[in-house]
Amino acid sequence: RGLKWLSSDAQMEKLKGIDRHFSEVLTEIKEMASELRPMAIDAFGLVHALEQFVERTSEMTGFEINLLREGE
């Protein structure tokens, strides 16, 4: 349901709930990244891990993302 149809207090509560949920999801993502990071970097190296991350993110978002490395 759209926020514009809710009272100011109800809007604030809804936004607080969204903010809490977003914070929880962000915390989970950070924990997962922390757990997965060493494997990808150790196995393939930082550059390869970053290239794979950029490629996956580009595919998921539909945005063209370029990874520029110094010396290229």
Protein backbone atom coordinates (compact mmCIF):
# COMPACT_ATOMS: atom_id res chain seq x y z
CA ARG A 1 0.00 0.00 0.00
CA GLY A 2 1.29 3.49 -0.87
CA LEU A 3 2.63 5.72 1.89
CA LYS A 4 0.69 8.74 0.65
CA TRP A 5 -2.55 7.18 1.91
CA LEU A 6 -1.26 6.78 5.46
CA SER A 7 -1.23 9.38 8.23
CA SER A 8 2.09 11.05 9.07
CA ASP A 9 2.51 8.85 12.16
CA ALA A 10 1.67 5.73 10.17
CA GLN A 11 4.07 6.81 7.43
CA MET A 12 6.86 7.25 9.97
CA GLU A 13 6.20 3.83 11.51
CA LYS A 14 6.15 2.24 8.06
CA LEU A 15 9.42 3.95 7.15
CA LYS A 16 11.00 2.90 10.46
CA GLY A 17 10.00 -0.68 9.73
CA ILE A 18 11.50 -0.48 6.25
CA ASP A 19 14.67 1.01 7.72
CA ARG A 20 14.93 -1.77 10.31
CA HIS A 21 14.40 -4.42 7.65
CA PHE A 22 16.98 -2.80 5.36
CA SER A 23 19.50 -2.69 8.23
CA GLU A 24 18.93 -6.39 8.98
CA VAL A 25 19.38 -7.34 5.33
CA LEU A 26 22.52 -5.22 5.06
CA THR A 27 23.97 -6.87 8.16
CA GLU A 28 23.28 -10.32 6.70
CA ILE A 29 24.91 -9.35 3.40
CA LYS A 30 27.99 -8.05 5.20
CA GLU A 31 28.25 -11.28 7.20
CA MET A 32 27.91 -13.42 4.07
CA ALA A 33 30.50 -11.32 2.23
CA SER A 34 32.88 -11.63 5.14
CA GLU A 35 32.47 -15.40 5.15
CA LEU A 36 32.84 -15.78 1.36
CA ARG A 37 35.52 -13.20 0.67
CA PRO A 38 38.60 -15.15 1.67
CA MET A 39 37.69 -18.15 -0.50
CA ALA A 40 37.23 -16.14 -3.69
CA ILE A 41 40.28 -13.98 -3.14
CA ASP A 42 42.50 -16.82 -1.95
CA ALA A 43 41.43 -19.15 -4.74
CA PHE A 44 41.48 -16.75 -7.69
CA GLY A 45 43.18 -13.54 -6.58
CA LEU A 46 41.71 -10.12 -5.88
CA VAL A 47 41.56 -8.95 -9.50
CA HIS A 48 39.70 -12.04 -10.68
CA ALA A 49 37.29 -11.85 -7.72
CA LEU A 50 36.57 -8.19 -8.50
CA GLU A 51 36.07 -8.96 -12.21
CA GLN A 52 33.57 -11.70 -11.36
CA PHE A 53 31.75 -9.41 -8.91
CA VAL A 54 31.48 -6.63 -11.51
CA GLU A 55 30.25 -9.07 -14.16
CA ARG A 56 27.57 -10.57 -11.88
CA THR A 57 26.45 -7.16 -10.66
CA SER A 58 26.22 -5.87 -14.22
CA GLU A 59 24.13 -8.87 -15.26
CA MET A 60 21.80 -8.52 -12.26
CA THR A 61 21.25 -4.78 -12.62
CA GLY A 62 21.34 -4.41 -16.38
CA PHE A 63 23.85 -1.58 -15.99
CA GLU A 64 27.14 -1.54 -17.84
CA ILE A 65 29.86 -1.58 -15.20
CA ASN A 66 33.53 -1.35 -16.01
CA LEU A 67 36.41 -2.26 -13.74
CA LEU A 68 39.42 -0.10 -14.46
CA ARG A 69 42.80 -1.27 -13.26
CA GLU A 70 45.81 0.97 -13.08
CA GLY A 71 48.34 0.09 -15.75
CA GLU A 72 45.78 -0.87 -18.40
